Amino acid sequence: MKIAVSIGETGTISSHLGKSKVFFIFSKDGDDIKFLERRLSDGNHTNHIIEDIKDCDVVISGKIGEGMIESLKKMGITAVVEEKVLDPMEAVAKLS
């Protein structure tokens, strides 16, 4: 599974997907997690964000609007809202 995590200025999970300009991309196979790359995004535009992460299966962010969730779903991307964990690796590890 390939996972995009929206990252804020402090290097933690961003508070809102629509404002994300950086994504950390991970792969997860069972308990095996690997950091793959850091991607830059234009942010603030649904189409740009989806285009930047369209090869991922899941996206994690602090908040994700309903419209964005529906747009992601149409592309086959599962949206995960993570409000408690700020560490990107820990959030990826929580996924089953």
PDB file of N, CA and C in Angstrom:
ATOM      1  N   MET A   1       0.845  -1.164   0.000  1.00  0.00           N
ATOM      2  CA  MET A   1       0.000   0.000   0.000  1.00  0.00           C
ATOM      3  C   MET A   1       0.901   1.241   0.000  1.00  0.00           C
ATOM      4  N   LYS A   2       0.506   2.226  -0.788  1.00  0.00           N
ATOM      5  CA  LYS A   2       1.261   3.473  -0.869  1.00  0.00           C
ATOM      6  C   LYS A   2       0.450   4.573  -0.189  1.00  0.00           C
ATOM      7  N   ILE A   3       1.088   5.306   0.715  1.00  0.00           N
ATOM      8  CA  ILE A   3       0.397   6.261   1.566  1.00  0.00           C
ATOM      9  C   ILE A   3       1.020   7.644   1.461  1.00  0.00           C
ATOM     10  N   ALA A   4       0.174   8.653   1.272  1.00  0.00           N
ATOM     11  CA  ALA A   4       0.602  10.050   1.292  1.00  0.00           C
ATOM     12  C   ALA A   4       0.167  10.655   2.617  1.00  0.00           C
ATOM     13  N   VAL A   5       1.080  11.350   3.284  1.00  0.00           N
ATOM     14  CA  VAL A   5       0.755  12.029   4.536  1.00  0.00           C
ATOM     15  C   VAL A   5       0.995  13.518   4.321  1.00  0.00           C
ATOM     16  N   SER A   6      -0.045  14.320   4.573  1.00  0.00           N
ATOM     17  CA  SER A   6       0.110  15.766   4.403  1.00  0.00           C
ATOM     18  C   SER A   6       0.928  16.309   5.573  1.00  0.00           C
ATOM     19  N   ILE A   7       1.911  17.131   5.244  1.00  0.00           N
ATOM     20  CA  ILE A   7       2.877  17.606   6.237  1.00  0.00           C
ATOM     21  C   ILE A   7       2.794  19.124   6.369  1.00  0.00           C
ATOM     22  N   GLY A   8       2.766  19.577   7.620  1.00  0.00           N
ATOM     23  CA  GLY A   8       2.754  21.007   7.907  1.00  0.00           C
ATOM     24  C   GLY A   8       4.167  21.553   8.031  1.00  0.00           C
ATOM     25  N   GLU A   9       4.267  22.811   8.371  1.00  0.00           N
ATOM     26  CA  GLU A   9       5.560  23.499   8.452  1.00  0.00           C
ATOM     27  C   GLU A   9       6.481  22.932   9.523  1.00  0.00           C
ATOM     28  N   THR A  10       5.923  22.289  10.535  1.00  0.00           N
ATOM     29  CA  THR A  10       6.738  21.745  11.627  1.00  0.00           C
ATOM     30  C   THR A  10       7.198  20.314  11.380  1.00  0.00           C
ATOM     31  N   GLY A  11       6.829  19.741  10.224  1.00  0.00           N
ATOM     32  CA  GLY A  11       7.221  18.363   9.920  1.00  0.00           C
ATOM     33  C   GLY A  11       6.264  17.337  10.493  1.00  0.00           C
ATOM     34  N   THR A  12       5.155  17.813  11.058  1.00  0.00           N
ATOM     35  CA  THR A  12       4.127  16.915  11.578  1.00  0.00           C
ATOM     36  C   THR A  12       2.940  16.917  10.617  1.00  0.00           C
ATOM     37  N   ILE A  13       1.966  16.056  10.892  1.00  0.00           N
ATOM     38  CA  ILE A  13       0.787  15.981  10.029  1.00  0.00           C
ATOM     39  C   ILE A  13       0.094  17.340  10.013  1.00  0.00           C
ATOM     40  N   SER A  14      -0.232  17.812   8.815  1.00  0.00           N
ATOM     41  CA  SER A  14      -0.851  19.135   8.690  1.00  0.00           C
ATOM     42  C   SER A  14      -2.282  19.120   9.205  1.00  0.00           C
ATOM     43  N   SER A  15      -2.740  20.300   9.594  1.00  0.00           N
ATOM     44  CA  SER A  15      -4.069  20.413  10.177  1.00  0.00           C
ATOM     45  C   SER A  15      -5.180  20.322   9.137  1.00  0.00           C
ATOM     46  N   HIS A  16      -4.867  20.537   7.850  1.00  0.00           N
ATOM     47  CA  HIS A  16      -5.903  20.480   6.820  1.00  0.00           C
ATOM     48  C   HIS A  16      -5.293  20.108   5.469  1.00  0.00           C
ATOM     49  N   LEU A  17      -5.862  19.100   4.836  1.00  0.00           N
ATOM     50  CA  LEU A  17      -5.336  18.606   3.563  1.00  0.00           C
ATOM     51  C   LEU A  17      -5.322  19.678   2.484  1.00  0.00           C
ATOM     52  N   GLY A  18      -6.374  20.478   2.403  1.00  0.00           N
ATOM     53  CA  GLY A  18      -6.494  21.474   1.342  1.00  0.00           C
ATOM     54  C   GLY A  18      -5.416  22.538   1.342  1.00  0.00           C
ATOM     55  N   LYS A  19      -4.700  22.667   2.449  1.00  0.00           N
ATOM     56  CA  LYS A  19      -3.640  23.669   2.537  1.00  0.00           C
ATOM     57  C   LYS A  19      -2.250  23.054   2.475  1.00  0.00           C
ATOM     58  N   SER A  20      -2.194  21.752   2.249  1.00  0.00           N
ATOM     59  CA  SER A  20      -0.909  21.044   2.264  1.00  0.00           C
ATOM     60  C   SER A  20      -0.086  21.361   1.033  1.00  0.00           C
ATOM     61  N   LYS A  21       1.179  21.626   1.273  1.00  0.00           N
ATOM     62  CA  LYS A  21       2.113  21.880   0.175  1.00  0.00           C
ATOM     63  C   LYS A  21       3.221  20.828   0.132  1.00  0.00           C
ATOM     64  N   VAL A  22       3.256  19.958   1.157  1.00  0.00           N
ATOM     65  CA  VAL A  22       4.258  18.896   1.222  1.00  0.00           C
ATOM     66  C   VAL A  22       3.574  17.589   1.616  1.00  0.00           C
ATOM     67  N   PHE A  23       3.967  16.522   0.948  1.00  0.00           N
ATOM     68  CA  PHE A  23       3.501  15.185   1.300  1.00  0.00           C
ATOM     69  C   PHE A  23       4.704  14.284   1.501  1.00  0.00           C
ATOM     70  N   PHE A  24       4.670  13.491   2.566  1.00  0.00           N
ATOM     71  CA  PHE A  24       5.625  12.408   2.732  1.00  0.00           C
ATOM     72  C   PHE A  24       4.939  11.166   2.179  1.00  0.00           C
ATOM     73  N   ILE A  25       5.642  10.444   1.340  1.00  0.00           N
ATOM     74  CA  ILE A  25       5.094   9.240   0.728  1.00  0.00           C
ATOM     75  C   ILE A  25       5.771   8.021   1.355  1.00  0.00           C
ATOM     76  N   PHE A  26       4.937   7.086   1.810  1.00  0.00           N
ATOM     77  CA  PHE A  26       5.417   5.862   2.455  1.00  0.00           C
ATOM     78  C   PHE A  26       4.866   4.650   1.719  1.00  0.00           C
ATOM     79  N   SER A  27       5.551   3.521   1.865  1.00  0.00           N
ATOM     80  CA  SER A  27       4.970   2.240   1.472  1.00  0.00           C
ATOM     81  C   SER A  27       4.788   1.441   2.754  1.00  0.00           C
ATOM     82  N   LYS A  28       3.719   0.650   2.778  1.00  0.00           N
ATOM     83  CA  LYS A  28       3.443  -0.178   3.959  1.00  0.00           C
ATOM     84  C   LYS A  28       3.005  -1.542   3.477  1.00  0.00           C
ATOM     85  N   ASP A  29       3.726  -2.552   3.956  1.00  0.00           N
ATOM     86  CA  ASP A  29       3.396  -3.940   3.655  1.00  0.00           C
ATOM     87  C   ASP A  29       3.412  -4.685   4.976  1.00  0.00           C
ATOM     88  N   GLY A  30       2.229  -4.914   5.548  1.00  0.00           N
ATOM     89  CA  GLY A  30       2.161  -5.485   6.896  1.00  0.00           C
ATOM     90  C   GLY A  30       2.736  -4.491   7.886  1.00  0.00           C
ATOM     91  N   ASP A  31       3.741  -4.929   8.652  1.00  0.00           N
ATOM     92  CA  ASP A  31       4.397  -4.042   9.618  1.00  0.00           C
ATOM     93  C   ASP A  31       5.607  -3.328   9.023  1.00  0.00           C
ATOM     94  N   ASP A  32       5.936  -3.641   7.782  1.00  0.00           N
ATOM     95  CA  ASP A  32       7.099  -3.049   7.120  1.00  0.00           C
ATOM     96  C   ASP A  32       6.721  -1.699   6.503  1.00  0.00           C
ATOM     97  N   ILE A  33       7.299  -0.629   7.034  1.00  0.00           N
ATOM     98  CA  ILE A  33       7.023   0.733   6.554  1.00  0.00           C
ATOM     99  C   ILE A  33       8.316   1.335   6.029  1.00  0.00           C
ATOM    100  N   LYS A  34       8.231   1.926   4.837  1.00  0.00           N
ATOM    101  CA  LYS A  34       9.403   2.581   4.244  1.00  0.00           C
ATOM    102  C   LYS A  34       9.021   3.977   3.792  1.00  0.00           C
ATOM    103  N   PHE A  35       9.884   4.943   4.113  1.00  0.00           N
ATOM    104  CA  PHE A  35       9.731   6.293   3.586  1.00  0.00           C
ATOM    105  C   PHE A  35      10.248   6.276   2.157  1.00  0.00           C
ATOM    106  N   LEU A  36       9.445   6.745   1.210  1.00  0.00           N
ATOM    107  CA  LEU A  36       9.836   6.720  -0.196  1.00  0.00           C
ATOM    108  C   LEU A  36      10.331   8.074  -0.709  1.00  0.00           C
ATOM    109  N   GLU A  37       9.581   9.128  -0.390  1.00  0.00           N
ATOM    110  CA  GLU A  37       9.958  10.434  -0.926  1.00  0.00           C
ATOM    111  C   GLU A  37       9.175  11.566  -0.283  1.00  0.00           C
ATOM    112  N   ARG A  38       9.649  12.768  -0.541  1.00  0.00           N
ATOM    113  CA  ARG A  38       8.978  14.006  -0.136  1.00  0.00           C
ATOM    114  C   ARG A  38       8.502  14.664  -1.420  1.00  0.00           C
ATOM    115  N   ARG A  39       7.198  14.971  -1.492  1.00  0.00           N
ATOM    116  CA  ARG A  39       6.634  15.596  -2.690  1.00  0.00           C
ATOM    117  C   ARG A  39       6.113  16.982  -2.358  1.00  0.00           C
ATOM    118  N   LEU A  40       6.331  17.899  -3.266  1.00  0.00           N
ATOM    119  CA  LEU A  40       5.788  19.250  -3.134  1.00  0.00           C
ATOM    120  C   LEU A  40       4.501  19.347  -3.938  1.00  0.00           C
ATOM    121  N   SER A  41       3.555  20.128  -3.436  1.00  0.00           N
ATOM    122  CA  SER A  41       2.266  20.317  -4.085  1.00  0.00           C
ATOM    123  C   SER A  41       1.974  21.808  -4.167  1.00  0.00           C
ATOM    124  N   ASP A  42       1.143  22.189  -5.116  1.00  0.00           N
ATOM    125  CA  ASP A  42       0.695  23.576  -5.193  1.00  0.00           C
ATOM    126  C   ASP A  42      -0.213  23.917  -4.016  1.00  0.00           C
ATOM    127  N   GLY A  43      -0.906  22.915  -3.479  1.00  0.00           N
ATOM    128  CA  GLY A  43      -1.820  23.132  -2.357  1.00  0.00           C
ATOM    129  C   GLY A  43      -3.017  23.979  -2.745  1.00  0.00           C
ATOM    130  N   ASN A  44      -4.011  24.008  -1.882  1.00  0.00           N
ATOM    131  CA  ASN A  44      -5.220  24.819  -2.011  1.00  0.00           C
ATOM    132  C   ASN A  44      -6.106  24.517  -3.213  1.00  0.00           C
ATOM    133  N   HIS A  45      -5.799  23.539  -4.014  1.00  0.00           N
ATOM    134  CA  HIS A  45      -6.637  23.194  -5.153  1.00  0.00           C
ATOM    135  C   HIS A  45      -6.840  21.686  -5.181  1.00  0.00           C
ATOM    136  N   THR A  46      -8.098  21.276  -5.100  1.00  0.00           N
ATOM    137  CA  THR A  46      -8.418  19.856  -5.078  1.00  0.00           C
ATOM    138  C   THR A  46      -7.722  19.111  -6.205  1.00  0.00           C
ATOM    139  N   ASN A  47      -7.827  19.616  -7.423  1.00  0.00           N
ATOM    140  CA  ASN A  47      -7.259  18.893  -8.562  1.00  0.00           C
ATOM    141  C   ASN A  47      -5.745  18.773  -8.476  1.00  0.00           C
ATOM    142  N   HIS A  48      -5.066  19.824  -8.015  1.00  0.00           N
ATOM    143  CA  HIS A  48      -3.615  19.765  -7.901  1.00  0.00           C
ATOM    144  C   HIS A  48      -3.196  18.732  -6.855  1.00  0.00           C
ATOM    145  N   ILE A  49      -3.853  18.743  -5.719  1.00  0.00           N
ATOM    146  CA  ILE A  49      -3.504  17.803  -4.658  1.00  0.00           C
ATOM    147  C   ILE A  49      -3.738  16.371  -5.129  1.00  0.00           C
ATOM    148  N   ILE A  50      -4.888  16.116  -5.724  1.00  0.00           N
ATOM    149  CA  ILE A  50      -5.174  14.760  -6.192  1.00  0.00           C
ATOM    150  C   ILE A  50      -4.175  14.345  -7.262  1.00  0.00           C
ATOM    151  N   GLU A  51      -3.843  15.251  -8.147  1.00  0.00           N
ATOM    152  CA  GLU A  51      -2.860  14.944  -9.198  1.00  0.00           C
ATOM    153  C   GLU A  51      -1.508  14.571  -8.582  1.00  0.00           C
ATOM    154  N   ASP A  52      -1.142  15.256  -7.506  1.00  0.00           N
ATOM    155  CA  ASP A  52       0.154  15.022  -6.866  1.00  0.00           C
ATOM    156  C   ASP A  52       0.217  13.700  -6.106  1.00  0.00           C
ATOM    157  N   ILE A  53      -0.936  13.149  -5.724  1.00  0.00           N
ATOM    158  CA  ILE A  53      -0.932  11.907  -4.938  1.00  0.00           C
ATOM    159  C   ILE A  53      -1.748  10.797  -5.598  1.00  0.00           C
ATOM    160  N   LYS A  54      -2.037  10.935  -6.887  1.00  0.00           N
ATOM    161  CA  LYS A  54      -2.930   9.983  -7.557  1.00  0.00           C
ATOM    162  C   LYS A  54      -2.399   8.553  -7.600  1.00  0.00           C
ATOM    163  N   ASP A  55      -1.114   8.367  -7.375  1.00  0.00           N
ATOM    164  CA  ASP A  55      -0.551   7.015  -7.380  1.00  0.00           C
ATOM    165  C   ASP A  55      -0.601   6.368  -5.991  1.00  0.00           C
ATOM    166  N   CYS A  56      -1.204   7.043  -5.023  1.00  0.00           N
ATOM    167  CA  CYS A  56      -1.278   6.532  -3.650  1.00  0.00           C
ATOM    168  C   CYS A  56      -2.628   5.871  -3.399  1.00  0.00           C
ATOM    169  N   ASP A  57      -2.649   4.975  -2.439  1.00  0.00           N
ATOM    170  CA  ASP A  57      -3.873   4.269  -2.063  1.00  0.00           C
ATOM    171  C   ASP A  57      -4.612   4.978  -0.936  1.00  0.00           C
ATOM    172  N   VAL A  58      -3.862   5.701  -0.096  1.00  0.00           N
ATOM    173  CA  VAL A  58      -4.392   6.340   1.102  1.00  0.00           C
ATOM    174  C   VAL A  58      -3.743   7.704   1.251  1.00  0.00           C
ATOM    175  N   VAL A  59      -4.504   8.660   1.794  1.00  0.00           N
ATOM    176  CA  VAL A  59      -3.936   9.945   2.196  1.00  0.00           C
ATOM    177  C   VAL A  59      -4.373  10.207   3.636  1.00  0.00           C
ATOM    178  N   ILE A  60      -3.432  10.698   4.438  1.00  0.00           N
ATOM    179  CA  ILE A  60      -3.683  11.001   5.850  1.00  0.00           C
ATOM    180  C   ILE A  60      -3.477  12.496   6.070  1.00  0.00           C
ATOM    181  N   SER A  61      -4.435  13.115   6.787  1.00  0.00           N
ATOM    182  CA  SER A  61      -4.316  14.525   7.136  1.00  0.00           C
ATOM    183  C   SER A  61      -5.133  14.793   8.393  1.00  0.00           C
ATOM    184  N   GLY A  62      -4.896  15.950   9.013  1.00  0.00           N
ATOM    185  CA  GLY A  62      -5.620  16.319  10.226  1.00  0.00           C
ATOM    186  C   GLY A  62      -7.099  16.558   9.989  1.00  0.00           C
ATOM    187  N   LYS A  63      -7.413  17.180   8.870  1.00  0.00           N
ATOM    188  CA  LYS A  63      -8.809  17.400   8.466  1.00  0.00           C
ATOM    189  C   LYS A  63      -8.878  17.264   6.956  1.00  0.00           C
ATOM    190  N   ILE A  64     -10.025  16.750   6.498  1.00  0.00           N
ATOM    191  CA  ILE A  64     -10.259  16.607   5.063  1.00  0.00           C
ATOM    192  C   ILE A  64     -11.729  16.932   4.817  1.00  0.00           C
ATOM    193  N   GLY A  65     -11.987  17.896   3.966  1.00  0.00           N
ATOM    194  CA  GLY A  65     -13.365  18.290   3.673  1.00  0.00           C
ATOM    195  C   GLY A  65     -14.133  17.206   2.936  1.00  0.00           C
ATOM    196  N   GLU A  66     -15.453  17.250   3.085  1.00  0.00           N
ATOM    197  CA  GLU A  66     -16.310  16.234   2.456  1.00  0.00           C
ATOM    198  C   GLU A  66     -16.151  16.200   0.932  1.00  0.00           C
ATOM    199  N   GLY A  67     -16.045  17.379   0.318  1.00  0.00           N
ATOM    200  CA  GLY A  67     -15.861  17.417  -1.133  1.00  0.00           C
ATOM    201  C   GLY A  67     -14.569  16.754  -1.558  1.00  0.00           C
ATOM    202  N   MET A  68     -13.512  16.999  -0.807  1.00  0.00           N
ATOM    203  CA  MET A  68     -12.219  16.385  -1.100  1.00  0.00           C
ATOM    204  C   MET A  68     -12.289  14.873  -0.891  1.00  0.00           C
ATOM    205  N   ILE A  69     -12.968  14.448   0.171  1.00  0.00           N
ATOM    206  CA  ILE A  69     -13.105  13.007   0.426  1.00  0.00           C
ATOM    207  C   ILE A  69     -13.793  12.329  -0.758  1.00  0.00           C
ATOM    208  N   GLU A  70     -14.849  12.943  -1.281  1.00  0.00           N
ATOM    209  CA  GLU A  70     -15.563  12.377  -2.427  1.00  0.00           C
ATOM    210  C   GLU A  70     -14.688  12.359  -3.682  1.00  0.00           C
ATOM    211  N   SER A  71     -13.941  13.437  -3.911  1.00  0.00           N
ATOM    212  CA  SER A  71     -13.047  13.486  -5.079  1.00  0.00           C
ATOM    213  C   SER A  71     -11.972  12.419  -4.981  1.00  0.00           C
ATOM    214  N   LEU A  72     -11.410  12.237  -3.789  1.00  0.00           N
ATOM    215  CA  LEU A  72     -10.393  11.205  -3.585  1.00  0.00           C
ATOM    216  C   LEU A  72     -10.976   9.818  -3.807  1.00  0.00           C
ATOM    217  N   LYS A  73     -12.173   9.599  -3.273  1.00  0.00           N
ATOM    218  CA  LYS A  73     -12.834   8.294  -3.410  1.00  0.00           C
ATOM    219  C   LYS A  73     -13.023   7.930  -4.884  1.00  0.00           C
ATOM    220  N   LYS A  74     -13.414   8.916  -5.701  1.00  0.00           N
ATOM    221  CA  LYS A  74     -13.598   8.683  -7.134  1.00  0.00           C
ATOM    222  C   LYS A  74     -12.302   8.243  -7.810  1.00  0.00           C
ATOM    223  N   MET A  75     -11.174   8.654  -7.238  1.00  0.00           N
ATOM    224  CA  MET A  75      -9.864   8.280  -7.779  1.00  0.00           C
ATOM    225  C   MET A  75      -9.331   6.984  -7.151  1.00  0.00           C
ATOM    226  N   GLY A  76     -10.116   6.399  -6.235  1.00  0.00           N
ATOM    227  CA  GLY A  76      -9.691   5.160  -5.586  1.00  0.00           C
ATOM    228  C   GLY A  76      -8.745   5.389  -4.418  1.00  0.00           C
ATOM    229  N   ILE A  77      -8.733   6.607  -3.871  1.00  0.00           N
ATOM    230  CA  ILE A  77      -7.850   6.942  -2.758  1.00  0.00           C
ATOM    231  C   ILE A  77      -8.680   7.059  -1.482  1.00  0.00           C
ATOM    232  N   THR A  78      -8.281   6.346  -0.447  1.00  0.00           N
ATOM    233  CA  THR A  78      -8.965   6.393   0.835  1.00  0.00           C
ATOM    234  C   THR A  78      -8.436   7.566   1.649  1.00  0.00           C
ATOM    235  N   ALA A  79      -9.346   8.395   2.164  1.00  0.00           N
ATOM    236  CA  ALA A  79      -8.980   9.546   2.994  1.00  0.00           C
ATOM    237  C   ALA A  79      -9.071   9.147   4.468  1.00  0.00           C
ATOM    238  N   VAL A  80      -8.008   9.414   5.220  1.00  0.00           N
ATOM    239  CA  VAL A  80      -7.978   9.114   6.650  1.00  0.00           C
ATOM    240  C   VAL A  80      -7.726  10.403   7.418  1.00  0.00           C
ATOM    241  N   VAL A  81      -8.659  10.740   8.298  1.00  0.00           N
ATOM    242  CA  VAL A  81      -8.500  11.920   9.157  1.00  0.00           C
ATOM    243  C   VAL A  81      -7.817  11.461  10.440  1.00  0.00           C
ATOM    244  N   GLU A  82      -6.681  12.089  10.738  1.00  0.00           N
ATOM    245  CA  GLU A  82      -5.894  11.739  11.934  1.00  0.00           C
ATOM    246  C   GLU A  82      -5.752  12.991  12.784  1.00  0.00           C
ATOM    247  N   GLU A  83      -6.539  13.061  13.853  1.00  0.00           N
ATOM    248  CA  GLU A  83      -6.534  14.251  14.700  1.00  0.00           C
ATOM    249  C   GLU A  83      -5.701  14.087  15.969  1.00  0.00           C
ATOM    250  N   LYS A  84      -5.343  12.859  16.315  1.00  0.00           N
ATOM    251  CA  LYS A  84      -4.640  12.633  17.583  1.00  0.00           C
ATOM    252  C   LYS A  84      -3.135  12.473  17.427  1.00  0.00           C
ATOM    253  N   VAL A  85      -2.709  11.815  16.368  1.00  0.00           N
ATOM    254  CA  VAL A  85      -1.291  11.536  16.151  1.00  0.00           C
ATOM    255  C   VAL A  85      -0.715  12.593  15.218  1.00  0.00           C
ATOM    256  N   LEU A  86       0.418  13.179  15.582  1.00  0.00           N
ATOM    257  CA  LEU A  86       1.062  14.181  14.737  1.00  0.00           C
ATOM    258  C   LEU A  86       2.238  13.616  13.948  1.00  0.00           C
ATOM    259  N   ASP A  87       2.820  12.529  14.425  1.00  0.00           N
ATOM    260  CA  ASP A  87       3.983  11.936  13.778  1.00  0.00           C
ATOM    261  C   ASP A  87       3.554  11.139  12.537  1.00  0.00           C
ATOM    262  N   PRO A  88       4.065  11.493  11.354  1.00  0.00           N
ATOM    263  CA  PRO A  88       3.656  10.813  10.122  1.00  0.00           C
ATOM    264  C   PRO A  88       3.877   9.295  10.153  1.00  0.00           C
ATOM    265  N   MET A  89       5.032   8.869  10.626  1.00  0.00           N
ATOM    266  CA  MET A  89       5.339   7.430  10.661  1.00  0.00           C
ATOM    267  C   MET A  89       4.385   6.692  11.600  1.00  0.00           C
ATOM    268  N   GLU A  90       4.076   7.283  12.726  1.00  0.00           N
ATOM    269  CA  GLU A  90       3.164   6.664  13.681  1.00  0.00           C
ATOM    270  C   GLU A  90       1.753   6.548  13.078  1.00  0.00           C
ATOM    271  N   ALA A  91       1.319   7.558  12.352  1.00  0.00           N
ATOM    272  CA  ALA A  91       0.004   7.514  11.707  1.00  0.00           C
ATOM    273  C   ALA A  91      -0.052   6.415  10.650  1.00  0.00           C
ATOM    274  N   VAL A  92       1.015   6.267   9.888  1.00  0.00           N
ATOM    275  CA  VAL A  92       1.073   5.198   8.882  1.00  0.00           C
ATOM    276  C   VAL A  92       1.044   3.840   9.567  1.00  0.00           C
ATOM    277  N   ALA A  93       1.753   3.699  10.670  1.00  0.00           N
ATOM    278  CA  ALA A  93       1.801   2.428  11.398  1.00  0.00           C
ATOM    279  C   ALA A  93       0.421   2.031  11.914  1.00  0.00           C
ATOM    280  N   LYS A  94      -0.437   3.009  12.218  1.00  0.00           N
ATOM    281  CA  LYS A  94      -1.783   2.720  12.733  1.00  0.00           C
ATOM    282  C   LYS A  94      -2.702   2.102  11.676  1.00  0.00           C
ATOM    283  N   LEU A  95      -2.404   2.322  10.394  1.00  0.00           N
ATOM    284  CA  LEU A  95      -3.255   1.796   9.329  1.00  0.00           C
ATOM    285  C   LEU A  95      -3.198   0.268   9.299  1.00  0.00           C
ATOM    286  N   SER A  96      -4.359  -0.322   9.003  1.00  0.00           N
ATOM    287  CA  SER A  96      -4.368  -1.795   8.894  1.00  0.00           C
ATOM    288  C   SER A  96      -4.462  -2.233   7.462  1.00  0.00           C
TER     289      SER A  96
END
